[in-house]
Amino acid sequence: MTILVTGATGFVGTRLCAELRHIGRPPRALVRKESVTRDLEAAGHRISVADWETGAGLEAAMEGAEAVVHCAGGGRVRRRRDYWQQNTVTTRRLLEAIASPASTVKRLVLLSSLAAREPVSRYGESKKAAEQLTRDGSVPTAILRPPGIYGAGDDRLLPLFRSVKRGWAMVPHQHLLVPWLHVDDCVRAIIACLDSDLPSGTVLEVDDGQPRALGDILNLIAGLMDRRPPRVVQLPAPALYSAGAIAELGALLRGQSTLFNRDKARELLRKDLAMDASLARRVLGWAPQVALEVGLAETYDWLSTQGRLG
């Protein structure tokens, strides 16, 4: 089976390409023309380039492919309206290419998000819209909804590590249980979807089964860093929104993308975070293998090696 991976230079896409190659199923990596592909080239991956705004290059990239994993998109944007372009428009362009007469694609795996379950943000709405597009499309699709994905190679947990280092942390809620998923477990779930014959439109929630309060996460990190647990200050909702607005403006002025903005602030305040991965366990035979303590230790080692802790 020839597998095309979109978003191949991203956090999940990179790990997925590496694992597929490791198990003897080398994928085709789809990237944007401005993507830095040095690591993909060094790993020996076949690379295709496409323009997501126009769809140019997508049909050529899919030539001979039997399955597509759509990892392109995500939550790092300059402006909140960019979520639609990154998550929904890319999915529409992909489905248009799959629907072409020359397409040989028989299976699509869409990497969605827990945020799409009951959207409270533009990010969640854009992911939900992408899911609906696949349901209306012509190719059988499995939809994965992970929570926050973490691991070596990504810095989304960096603020928590820096908070422990400085001795205090501001959080939106200290005791609400938050689900997590290590990137390697996410990759294993994607591959299981590729090998399944699930009915099209099946939605699978996947998490590590170890939801933790942010206060507990901070304590685990403190142990890894051999420091005292930080003093925790619960941040009121208005203050969190203000911080998101400031981060958003700063990213816009710098011309850079950001993971934290008003949208993310809204998601951090939601209370319905409980996940149920029983369907994925039952129909895919999938189970998480990376304990949170192990994943955090790996992440800490990577952040330290990269000199990111400040």
C-alpha atoms as a PDB file:
ATOM      1  CA  MET A   1       0.000   0.000   0.000  1.00  0.00           C
ATOM      2  CA  THR A   2       1.397   3.388  -1.033  1.00  0.00           C
ATOM      3  CA  ILE A   3       0.644   5.932   1.699  1.00  0.00           C
ATOM      4  CA  LEU A   4       0.696   9.706   1.255  1.00  0.00           C
ATOM      5  CA  VAL A   5       1.244  11.732   4.436  1.00  0.00           C
ATOM      6  CA  THR A   6       0.236  15.399   4.380  1.00  0.00           C
ATOM      7  CA  GLY A   7       1.827  17.805   6.840  1.00  0.00           C
ATOM      8  CA  ALA A   8       4.929  15.640   6.723  1.00  0.00           C
ATOM      9  CA  THR A   9       7.196  18.294   8.245  1.00  0.00           C
ATOM     10  CA  GLY A  10       4.888  18.782  11.234  1.00  0.00           C
ATOM     11  CA  PHE A  11       5.212  17.185  14.657  1.00  0.00           C
ATOM     12  CA  VAL A  12       2.925  14.203  14.044  1.00  0.00           C
ATOM     13  CA  GLY A  13       3.664  13.945  10.316  1.00  0.00           C
ATOM     14  CA  THR A  14       7.403  13.662  10.875  1.00  0.00           C
ATOM     15  CA  ARG A  15       7.009  10.895  13.449  1.00  0.00           C
ATOM     16  CA  LEU A  16       4.467   9.071  11.297  1.00  0.00           C
ATOM     17  CA  CYS A  17       6.759   9.091   8.259  1.00  0.00           C
ATOM     18  CA  ALA A  18       9.639   7.790  10.375  1.00  0.00           C
ATOM     19  CA  GLU A  19       7.560   4.970  11.863  1.00  0.00           C
ATOM     20  CA  LEU A  20       6.094   3.908   8.518  1.00  0.00           C
ATOM     21  CA  ARG A  21       9.574   3.711   7.062  1.00  0.00           C
ATOM     22  CA  HIS A  22      10.792   1.798  10.121  1.00  0.00           C
ATOM     23  CA  ILE A  23       8.119  -0.900   9.697  1.00  0.00           C
ATOM     24  CA  GLY A  24       8.868  -1.319   6.001  1.00  0.00           C
ATOM     25  CA  ARG A  25       6.098   0.862   4.565  1.00  0.00           C
ATOM     26  CA  PRO A  26       7.957   3.965   3.348  1.00  0.00           C
ATOM     27  CA  PRO A  27       5.451   6.761   2.726  1.00  0.00           C
ATOM     28  CA  ARG A  28       5.332   9.630   0.304  1.00  0.00           C
ATOM     29  CA  ALA A  29       5.713  12.932   2.159  1.00  0.00           C
ATOM     30  CA  LEU A  30       3.563  15.865   1.037  1.00  0.00           C
ATOM     31  CA  VAL A  31       4.812  19.337   1.958  1.00  0.00           C
ATOM     32  CA  ARG A  32       4.260  22.982   1.095  1.00  0.00           C
ATOM     33  CA  LYS A  33       6.741  24.702  -1.189  1.00  0.00           C
ATOM     34  CA  GLU A  34       8.040  26.814   1.713  1.00  0.00           C
ATOM     35  CA  SER A  35       8.576  23.802   4.011  1.00  0.00           C
ATOM     36  CA  VAL A  36      12.039  22.931   5.276  1.00  0.00           C
ATOM     37  CA  THR A  37      12.537  19.349   4.085  1.00  0.00           C
ATOM     38  CA  ARG A  38      16.151  18.746   5.107  1.00  0.00           C
ATOM     39  CA  ASP A  39      15.286  16.073   7.697  1.00  0.00           C
ATOM     40  CA  LEU A  40      12.842  14.284   5.385  1.00  0.00           C
ATOM     41  CA  GLU A  41      15.439  14.209   2.627  1.00  0.00           C
ATOM     42  CA  ALA A  42      18.107  12.925   5.011  1.00  0.00           C
ATOM     43  CA  ALA A  43      15.755  10.117   6.052  1.00  0.00           C
ATOM     44  CA  GLY A  44      15.309   9.112   2.411  1.00  0.00           C
ATOM     45  CA  HIS A  45      11.614   9.953   2.075  1.00  0.00           C
ATOM     46  CA  ARG A  46      10.080  10.607  -1.320  1.00  0.00           C
ATOM     47  CA  ILE A  47       8.790  14.187  -1.245  1.00  0.00           C
ATOM     48  CA  SER A  48       5.944  15.813  -3.163  1.00  0.00           C
ATOM     49  CA  VAL A  49       5.053  19.514  -3.102  1.00  0.00           C
ATOM     50  CA  ALA A  50       1.576  21.041  -3.339  1.00  0.00           C
ATOM     51  CA  ASP A  51      -0.174  24.389  -2.920  1.00  0.00           C
ATOM     52  CA  TRP A  52      -3.070  24.049  -0.478  1.00  0.00           C
ATOM     53  CA  GLU A  53      -4.680  27.337  -1.477  1.00  0.00           C
ATOM     54  CA  THR A  54      -5.133  26.350  -5.118  1.00  0.00           C
ATOM     55  CA  GLY A  55      -4.783  22.574  -4.923  1.00  0.00           C
ATOM     56  CA  ALA A  56      -1.960  22.644  -7.473  1.00  0.00           C
ATOM     57  CA  GLY A  57       0.238  19.564  -7.216  1.00  0.00           C
ATOM     58  CA  LEU A  58      -2.167  17.478  -5.142  1.00  0.00           C
ATOM     59  CA  GLU A  59      -3.288  15.128  -7.908  1.00  0.00           C
ATOM     60  CA  ALA A  60       0.305  14.528  -8.957  1.00  0.00           C
ATOM     61  CA  ALA A  61       1.299  13.857  -5.343  1.00  0.00           C
ATOM     62  CA  MET A  62      -1.441  11.230  -5.049  1.00  0.00           C
ATOM     63  CA  GLU A  63      -0.497   9.356  -8.199  1.00  0.00           C
ATOM     64  CA  GLY A  64      -0.541   5.653  -7.336  1.00  0.00           C
ATOM     65  CA  ALA A  65      -1.342   6.271  -3.664  1.00  0.00           C
ATOM     66  CA  GLU A  66      -3.893   3.958  -2.073  1.00  0.00           C
ATOM     67  CA  ALA A  67      -4.200   5.730   1.277  1.00  0.00           C
ATOM     68  CA  VAL A  68      -3.797   9.264   2.592  1.00  0.00           C
ATOM     69  CA  VAL A  69      -3.174  10.432   6.150  1.00  0.00           C
ATOM     70  CA  HIS A  70      -4.160  14.069   6.492  1.00  0.00           C
ATOM     71  CA  CYS A  71      -1.951  15.596   9.195  1.00  0.00           C
ATOM     72  CA  ALA A  72      -1.665  19.023   7.564  1.00  0.00           C
ATOM     73  CA  GLY A  73      -3.226  21.843   9.547  1.00  0.00           C
ATOM     74  CA  GLY A  74      -3.055  22.381  13.274  1.00  0.00           C
ATOM     75  CA  GLY A  75      -3.370  25.089  15.868  1.00  0.00           C
ATOM     76  CA  ARG A  76      -0.436  27.439  15.269  1.00  0.00           C
ATOM     77  CA  VAL A  77      -1.682  30.514  13.405  1.00  0.00           C
ATOM     78  CA  ARG A  78      -0.954  34.234  13.048  1.00  0.00           C
ATOM     79  CA  ARG A  79      -4.619  35.241  12.914  1.00  0.00           C
ATOM     80  CA  ARG A  80      -7.627  33.301  14.159  1.00  0.00           C
ATOM     81  CA  ARG A  81      -9.164  33.307  10.687  1.00  0.00           C
ATOM     82  CA  ASP A  82      -6.184  31.249   9.522  1.00  0.00           C
ATOM     83  CA  TYR A  83      -7.679  28.194  11.249  1.00  0.00           C
ATOM     84  CA  TRP A  84     -10.199  27.872   8.430  1.00  0.00           C
ATOM     85  CA  GLN A  85      -7.472  27.899   5.785  1.00  0.00           C
ATOM     86  CA  GLN A  86      -5.223  25.471   7.643  1.00  0.00           C
ATOM     87  CA  ASN A  87      -7.809  22.910   8.681  1.00  0.00           C
ATOM     88  CA  THR A  88     -10.896  23.205   6.490  1.00  0.00           C
ATOM     89  CA  VAL A  89      -9.689  24.485   3.131  1.00  0.00           C
ATOM     90  CA  THR A  90      -6.811  22.000   3.062  1.00  0.00           C
ATOM     91  CA  THR A  91      -9.282  19.166   3.635  1.00  0.00           C
ATOM     92  CA  ARG A  92     -11.548  20.435   0.863  1.00  0.00           C
ATOM     93  CA  ARG A  93      -8.631  20.628  -1.577  1.00  0.00           C
ATOM     94  CA  LEU A  94      -7.527  17.131  -0.594  1.00  0.00           C
ATOM     95  CA  LEU A  95     -10.991  15.665  -1.163  1.00  0.00           C
ATOM     96  CA  GLU A  96     -11.257  17.396  -4.534  1.00  0.00           C
ATOM     97  CA  ALA A  97      -8.018  15.723  -5.618  1.00  0.00           C
ATOM     98  CA  ILE A  98      -9.154  12.346  -4.268  1.00  0.00           C
ATOM     99  CA  ALA A  99     -12.385  12.676  -6.268  1.00  0.00           C
ATOM    100  CA  SER A 100     -10.506  13.117  -9.550  1.00  0.00           C
ATOM    101  CA  PRO A 101     -10.957  10.283 -12.109  1.00  0.00           C
ATOM    102  CA  ALA A 102      -7.280   9.338 -11.934  1.00  0.00           C
ATOM    103  CA  SER A 103      -7.243   8.923  -8.145  1.00  0.00           C
ATOM    104  CA  THR A 104      -6.419   5.484  -6.733  1.00  0.00           C
ATOM    105  CA  VAL A 105      -6.983   6.460  -3.086  1.00  0.00           C
ATOM    106  CA  LYS A 106      -9.152   3.959  -1.223  1.00  0.00           C
ATOM    107  CA  ARG A 107      -8.663   5.104   2.365  1.00  0.00           C
ATOM    108  CA  LEU A 108      -8.326   8.422   4.201  1.00  0.00           C
ATOM    109  CA  VAL A 109      -7.355   8.982   7.819  1.00  0.00           C
ATOM    110  CA  LEU A 110      -8.156  12.470   9.100  1.00  0.00           C
ATOM    111  CA  LEU A 111      -6.240  13.696  12.133  1.00  0.00           C
ATOM    112  CA  SER A 112      -8.832  15.868  13.838  1.00  0.00           C
ATOM    113  CA  SER A 113      -8.987  17.008  17.471  1.00  0.00           C
ATOM    114  CA  LEU A 114     -10.947  16.724  20.695  1.00  0.00           C
ATOM    115  CA  ALA A 115     -11.762  20.395  20.061  1.00  0.00           C
ATOM    116  CA  ALA A 116     -14.092  19.287  17.238  1.00  0.00           C
ATOM    117  CA  ARG A 117     -16.399  17.337  19.564  1.00  0.00           C
ATOM    118  CA  GLU A 118     -18.374  20.340  20.811  1.00  0.00           C
ATOM    119  CA  PRO A 119     -16.504  23.337  19.421  1.00  0.00           C
ATOM    120  CA  VAL A 120     -16.043  26.403  21.613  1.00  0.00           C
ATOM    121  CA  SER A 121     -13.413  28.022  19.386  1.00  0.00           C
ATOM    122  CA  ARG A 122     -12.672  28.802  15.769  1.00  0.00           C
ATOM    123  CA  TYR A 123     -10.046  26.090  15.826  1.00  0.00           C
ATOM    124  CA  GLY A 124     -12.602  23.526  16.950  1.00  0.00           C
ATOM    125  CA  GLU A 125     -15.129  24.774  14.396  1.00  0.00           C
ATOM    126  CA  SER A 126     -12.569  24.471  11.591  1.00  0.00           C
ATOM    127  CA  LYS A 127     -11.770  20.894  12.620  1.00  0.00           C
ATOM    128  CA  LYS A 128     -15.457  20.024  12.874  1.00  0.00           C
ATOM    129  CA  ALA A 129     -16.068  21.445   9.397  1.00  0.00           C
ATOM    130  CA  ALA A 130     -13.187  19.363   8.036  1.00  0.00           C
ATOM    131  CA  GLU A 131     -14.739  16.239   9.537  1.00  0.00           C
ATOM    132  CA  GLN A 132     -18.055  17.013   7.859  1.00  0.00           C
ATOM    133  CA  LEU A 133     -16.358  17.483   4.502  1.00  0.00           C
ATOM    134  CA  THR A 134     -14.914  13.974   4.716  1.00  0.00           C
ATOM    135  CA  ARG A 135     -18.355  12.554   5.524  1.00  0.00           C
ATOM    136  CA  ASP A 136     -19.676  14.174   2.361  1.00  0.00           C
ATOM    137  CA  GLY A 137     -16.692  12.953   0.321  1.00  0.00           C
ATOM    138  CA  SER A 138     -16.258   9.899  -1.853  1.00  0.00           C
ATOM    139  CA  VAL A 139     -13.530   8.014   0.014  1.00  0.00           C
ATOM    140  CA  PRO A 140     -13.924   5.887   3.183  1.00  0.00           C
ATOM    141  CA  THR A 141     -12.569   7.957   6.057  1.00  0.00           C
ATOM    142  CA  ALA A 142     -11.543   7.249   9.638  1.00  0.00           C
ATOM    143  CA  ILE A 143     -11.507  10.300  11.912  1.00  0.00           C
ATOM    144  CA  LEU A 144      -9.141  10.432  14.885  1.00  0.00           C
ATOM    145  CA  ARG A 145      -9.785  12.882  17.711  1.00  0.00           C
ATOM    146  CA  PRO A 146      -6.774  13.123  20.034  1.00  0.00           C
ATOM    147  CA  PRO A 147      -6.380  15.603  22.906  1.00  0.00           C
ATOM    148  CA  GLY A 148      -3.158  17.573  23.299  1.00  0.00           C
ATOM    149  CA  ILE A 149      -0.341  15.601  21.662  1.00  0.00           C
ATOM    150  CA  TYR A 150       3.078  15.929  23.266  1.00  0.00           C
ATOM    151  CA  GLY A 151       6.561  14.446  23.156  1.00  0.00           C
ATOM    152  CA  ALA A 152      10.132  15.166  22.128  1.00  0.00           C
ATOM    153  CA  GLY A 153      10.175  17.443  19.107  1.00  0.00           C
ATOM    154  CA  ASP A 154       7.347  19.738  20.218  1.00  0.00           C
ATOM    155  CA  ASP A 155       7.360  22.665  22.624  1.00  0.00           C
ATOM    156  CA  ARG A 156       3.693  22.993  23.621  1.00  0.00           C
ATOM    157  CA  LEU A 157       4.531  21.939  27.196  1.00  0.00           C
ATOM    158  CA  LEU A 158       7.465  24.354  27.409  1.00  0.00           C
ATOM    159  CA  PRO A 159       5.477  26.970  29.405  1.00  0.00           C
ATOM    160  CA  LEU A 160       4.844  24.374  32.133  1.00  0.00           C
ATOM    161  CA  PHE A 161       8.536  23.478  32.368  1.00  0.00           C
ATOM    162  CA  ARG A 162       9.512  27.155  32.514  1.00  0.00           C
ATOM    163  CA  SER A 163       6.891  27.756  35.201  1.00  0.00           C
ATOM    164  CA  VAL A 164       8.471  25.073  37.369  1.00  0.00           C
ATOM    165  CA  LYS A 165      11.912  26.549  36.793  1.00  0.00           C
ATOM    166  CA  ARG A 166      10.832  30.022  37.950  1.00  0.00           C
ATOM    167  CA  GLY A 167       8.922  28.606  40.919  1.00  0.00           C
ATOM    168  CA  TRP A 168       5.373  29.712  40.159  1.00  0.00           C
ATOM    169  CA  ALA A 169       2.704  28.971  37.595  1.00  0.00           C
ATOM    170  CA  MET A 170      -0.527  30.591  36.437  1.00  0.00           C
ATOM    171  CA  VAL A 171      -3.151  28.086  35.285  1.00  0.00           C
ATOM    172  CA  PRO A 172      -6.832  28.381  34.316  1.00  0.00           C
ATOM    173  CA  HIS A 173      -7.790  25.475  36.572  1.00  0.00           C
ATOM    174  CA  GLN A 174      -5.618  23.499  38.932  1.00  0.00           C
ATOM    175  CA  HIS A 175      -7.774  20.438  39.562  1.00  0.00           C
ATOM    176  CA  LEU A 176      -9.711  19.754  36.337  1.00  0.00           C
ATOM    177  CA  LEU A 177      -8.540  16.475  34.790  1.00  0.00           C
ATOM    178  CA  VAL A 178      -6.943  16.998  31.360  1.00  0.00           C
ATOM    179  CA  PRO A 179      -6.349  14.160  28.825  1.00  0.00           C
ATOM    180  CA  TRP A 180      -3.041  13.721  26.994  1.00  0.00           C
ATOM    181  CA  LEU A 181      -1.576  11.541  24.237  1.00  0.00           C
ATOM    182  CA  HIS A 182       2.065  10.870  23.440  1.00  0.00           C
ATOM    183  CA  VAL A 183       2.933  11.397  19.786  1.00  0.00           C
ATOM    184  CA  ASP A 184       4.107   7.793  19.357  1.00  0.00           C
ATOM    185  CA  ASP A 185       0.755   6.476  20.588  1.00  0.00           C
ATOM    186  CA  CYS A 186      -0.991   8.822  18.165  1.00  0.00           C
ATOM    187  CA  VAL A 187       1.136   7.445  15.320  1.00  0.00           C
ATOM    188  CA  ARG A 188       0.242   3.882  16.291  1.00  0.00           C
ATOM    189  CA  ALA A 189      -3.455   4.784  16.238  1.00  0.00           C
ATOM    190  CA  ILE A 190      -3.106   6.293  12.757  1.00  0.00           C
ATOM    191  CA  ILE A 191      -1.415   3.170  11.406  1.00  0.00           C
ATOM    192  CA  ALA A 192      -4.111   0.992  12.982  1.00  0.00           C
ATOM    193  CA  CYS A 193      -6.717   3.080  11.136  1.00  0.00           C
ATOM    194  CA  LEU A 194      -4.881   2.554   7.857  1.00  0.00           C
ATOM    195  CA  ASP A 195      -5.099  -1.192   8.358  1.00  0.00           C
ATOM    196  CA  SER A 196      -8.749  -1.218   9.420  1.00  0.00           C
ATOM    197  CA  ASP A 197     -11.962  -1.555   7.453  1.00  0.00           C
ATOM    198  CA  LEU A 198     -14.002   0.794   9.642  1.00  0.00           C
ATOM    199  CA  PRO A 199     -17.230   2.221   8.225  1.00  0.00           C
ATOM    200  CA  SER A 200     -16.614   5.615   6.650  1.00  0.00           C
ATOM    201  CA  GLY A 201     -17.095   8.503   9.046  1.00  0.00           C
ATOM    202  CA  THR A 202     -16.192   6.517  12.153  1.00  0.00           C
ATOM    203  CA  VAL A 203     -14.939   8.898  14.857  1.00  0.00           C
ATOM    204  CA  LEU A 204     -12.362   7.513  17.268  1.00  0.00           C
ATOM    205  CA  GLU A 205     -11.289   9.322  20.409  1.00  0.00           C
ATOM    206  CA  VAL A 206      -7.774   8.403  21.524  1.00  0.00           C
ATOM    207  CA  ASP A 207      -5.980   9.381  24.710  1.00  0.00           C
ATOM    208  CA  ASP A 208      -3.549   7.741  27.115  1.00  0.00           C
ATOM    209  CA  GLY A 209      -6.218   6.895  29.684  1.00  0.00           C
ATOM    210  CA  GLN A 210      -4.368   8.914  32.345  1.00  0.00           C
ATOM    211  CA  PRO A 211      -6.109  12.301  32.610  1.00  0.00           C
ATOM    212  CA  ARG A 212      -4.234  14.520  35.050  1.00  0.00           C
ATOM    213  CA  ALA A 213      -4.850  17.861  36.687  1.00  0.00           C
ATOM    214  CA  LEU A 214      -2.448  20.623  35.684  1.00  0.00           C
ATOM    215  CA  GLY A 215      -1.316  20.832  39.298  1.00  0.00           C
ATOM    216  CA  ASP A 216      -0.290  17.166  39.158  1.00  0.00           C
ATOM    217  CA  ILE A 217       1.522  17.712  35.846  1.00  0.00           C
ATOM    218  CA  LEU A 218       3.488  20.565  37.392  1.00  0.00           C
ATOM    219  CA  ASN A 219       4.440  18.346  40.329  1.00  0.00           C
ATOM    220  CA  LEU A 220       5.644  15.593  37.977  1.00  0.00           C
ATOM    221  CA  ILE A 221       7.729  18.111  36.048  1.00  0.00           C
ATOM    222  CA  ALA A 222       9.174  19.467  39.299  1.00  0.00           C
ATOM    223  CA  GLY A 223      10.327  15.957  40.167  1.00  0.00           C
ATOM    224  CA  LEU A 224      12.011  15.582  36.782  1.00  0.00           C
ATOM    225  CA  MET A 225      13.791  18.915  37.215  1.00  0.00           C
ATOM    226  CA  ASP A 226      14.701  18.189  40.850  1.00  0.00           C
ATOM    227  CA  ARG A 227      12.892  21.308  42.009  1.00  0.00           C
ATOM    228  CA  ARG A 228      10.182  22.163  44.485  1.00  0.00           C
ATOM    229  CA  PRO A 229       6.609  22.086  43.174  1.00  0.00           C
ATOM    230  CA  PRO A 230       5.771  25.585  41.965  1.00  0.00           C
ATOM    231  CA  ARG A 231       3.353  27.932  43.674  1.00  0.00           C
ATOM    232  CA  VAL A 232       0.162  27.740  41.615  1.00  0.00           C
ATOM    233  CA  VAL A 233      -2.030  30.766  40.948  1.00  0.00           C
ATOM    234  CA  GLN A 234      -5.423  30.181  39.345  1.00  0.00           C
ATOM    235  CA  LEU A 235      -5.872  32.692  36.538  1.00  0.00           C
ATOM    236  CA  PRO A 236      -9.372  34.231  36.222  1.00  0.00           C
ATOM    237  CA  ALA A 237     -11.080  33.861  32.843  1.00  0.00           C
ATOM    238  CA  PRO A 238     -10.845  37.594  31.918  1.00  0.00           C
ATOM    239  CA  ALA A 239      -7.113  37.571  32.623  1.00  0.00           C
ATOM    240  CA  LEU A 240      -6.639  34.440  30.514  1.00  0.00           C
ATOM    241  CA  TYR A 241      -8.513  36.012  27.586  1.00  0.00           C
ATOM    242  CA  SER A 242      -6.392  39.149  27.917  1.00  0.00           C
ATOM    243  CA  ALA A 243      -3.209  37.075  27.861  1.00  0.00           C
ATOM    244  CA  GLY A 244      -4.463  35.309  24.740  1.00  0.00           C
ATOM    245  CA  ALA A 245      -5.189  38.622  23.033  1.00  0.00           C
ATOM    246  CA  ILE A 246      -1.714  39.930  23.874  1.00  0.00           C
ATOM    247  CA  ALA A 247      -0.061  36.755  22.553  1.00  0.00           C
ATOM    248  CA  GLU A 248      -2.161  36.987  19.395  1.00  0.00           C
ATOM    249  CA  LEU A 249      -1.184  40.623  18.789  1.00  0.00           C
ATOM    250  CA  GLY A 250       2.473  39.862  19.439  1.00  0.00           C
ATOM    251  CA  ALA A 251       2.457  37.028  16.906  1.00  0.00           C
ATOM    252  CA  LEU A 252       0.800  39.256  14.326  1.00  0.00           C
ATOM    253  CA  LEU A 253       3.340  42.049  14.821  1.00  0.00           C
ATOM    254  CA  ARG A 254       6.260  39.609  14.614  1.00  0.00           C
ATOM    255  CA  GLY A 255       4.797  37.834  11.599  1.00  0.00           C
ATOM    256  CA  GLN A 256       4.966  34.520  13.457  1.00  0.00           C
ATOM    257  CA  SER A 257       2.436  31.844  14.330  1.00  0.00           C
ATOM    258  CA  THR A 258       1.365  31.147  17.896  1.00  0.00           C
ATOM    259  CA  LEU A 259      -0.282  28.231  19.683  1.00  0.00           C
ATOM    260  CA  PHE A 260      -1.773  30.443  22.417  1.00  0.00           C
ATOM    261  CA  ASN A 261      -4.380  33.073  21.581  1.00  0.00           C
ATOM    262  CA  ARG A 262      -7.969  33.956  22.502  1.00  0.00           C
ATOM    263  CA  ASP A 263      -9.152  30.738  20.892  1.00  0.00           C
ATOM    264  CA  LYS A 264      -6.820  28.603  22.980  1.00  0.00           C
ATOM    265  CA  ALA A 265      -7.825  30.533  26.096  1.00  0.00           C
ATOM    266  CA  ARG A 266     -11.449  29.607  25.438  1.00  0.00           C
ATOM    267  CA  GLU A 267     -10.518  25.936  25.042  1.00  0.00           C
ATOM    268  CA  LEU A 268      -8.479  25.946  28.240  1.00  0.00           C
ATOM    269  CA  LEU A 269     -11.571  27.025  30.164  1.00  0.00           C
ATOM    270  CA  ARG A 270     -13.885  24.291  28.898  1.00  0.00           C
ATOM    271  CA  LYS A 271     -14.878  21.627  31.395  1.00  0.00           C
ATOM    272  CA  ASP A 272     -16.025  18.712  29.184  1.00  0.00           C
ATOM    273  CA  LEU A 273     -12.600  17.156  28.638  1.00  0.00           C
ATOM    274  CA  ALA A 274     -13.337  13.538  29.549  1.00  0.00           C
ATOM    275  CA  MET A 275     -12.515  11.172  26.687  1.00  0.00           C
ATOM    276  CA  ASP A 276     -13.580   7.629  25.829  1.00  0.00           C
ATOM    277  CA  ALA A 277     -11.062   5.610  23.820  1.00  0.00           C
ATOM    278  CA  SER A 278     -12.921   2.314  24.272  1.00  0.00           C
ATOM    279  CA  LEU A 279     -14.053   2.208  20.631  1.00  0.00           C
ATOM    280  CA  ALA A 280     -10.480   2.621  19.372  1.00  0.00           C
ATOM    281  CA  ARG A 281      -9.314  -0.091  21.738  1.00  0.00           C
ATOM    282  CA  ARG A 282     -12.066  -2.450  20.636  1.00  0.00           C
ATOM    283  CA  VAL A 283     -12.142  -2.005  16.854  1.00  0.00           C
ATOM    284  CA  LEU A 284      -8.478  -1.183  16.240  1.00  0.00           C
ATOM    285  CA  GLY A 285      -6.856  -3.353  18.872  1.00  0.00           C
ATOM    286  CA  TRP A 286      -5.001  -0.182  19.837  1.00  0.00           C
ATOM    287  CA  ALA A 287      -3.818   0.712  23.315  1.00  0.00           C
ATOM    288  CA  PRO A 288      -1.552   3.522  24.531  1.00  0.00           C
ATOM    289  CA  GLN A 289       1.942   2.382  25.429  1.00  0.00           C
ATOM    290  CA  VAL A 290       3.663   5.537  26.694  1.00  0.00           C
ATOM    291  CA  ALA A 291       2.929   6.442  30.313  1.00  0.00           C
ATOM    292  CA  LEU A 292       2.695  10.152  31.025  1.00  0.00           C
ATOM    293  CA  GLU A 293       5.670  10.038  33.387  1.00  0.00           C
ATOM    294  CA  VAL A 294       7.821   8.462  30.666  1.00  0.00           C
ATOM    295  CA  GLY A 295       6.627  10.900  28.005  1.00  0.00           C
ATOM    296  CA  LEU A 296       7.279  13.915  30.213  1.00  0.00           C
ATOM    297  CA  ALA A 297      10.797  12.677  30.979  1.00  0.00           C
ATOM    298  CA  GLU A 298      11.478  12.281  27.256  1.00  0.00           C
ATOM    299  CA  THR A 299      10.111  15.761  26.590  1.00  0.00           C
ATOM    300  CA  TYR A 300      12.241  17.255  29.372  1.00  0.00           C
ATOM    301  CA  ASP A 301      15.392  15.632  27.985  1.00  0.00           C
ATOM    302  CA  TRP A 302      14.651  17.012  24.519  1.00  0.00           C
ATOM    303  CA  LEU A 303      13.890  20.536  25.754  1.00  0.00           C
ATOM    304  CA  SER A 304      17.098  20.494  27.801  1.00  0.00           C
ATOM    305  CA  THR A 305      19.186  19.274  24.875  1.00  0.00           C
ATOM    306  CA  GLN A 306      17.697  21.986  22.664  1.00  0.00           C
ATOM    307  CA  GLY A 307      18.445  24.675  25.249  1.00  0.00           C
ATOM    308  CA  ARG A 308      14.786  25.674  25.390  1.00  0.00           C
ATOM    309  CA  LEU A 309      14.288  25.906  29.148  1.00  0.00           C
ATOM    310  CA  GLY A 310      15.819  29.365  29.436  1.00  0.00           C
END
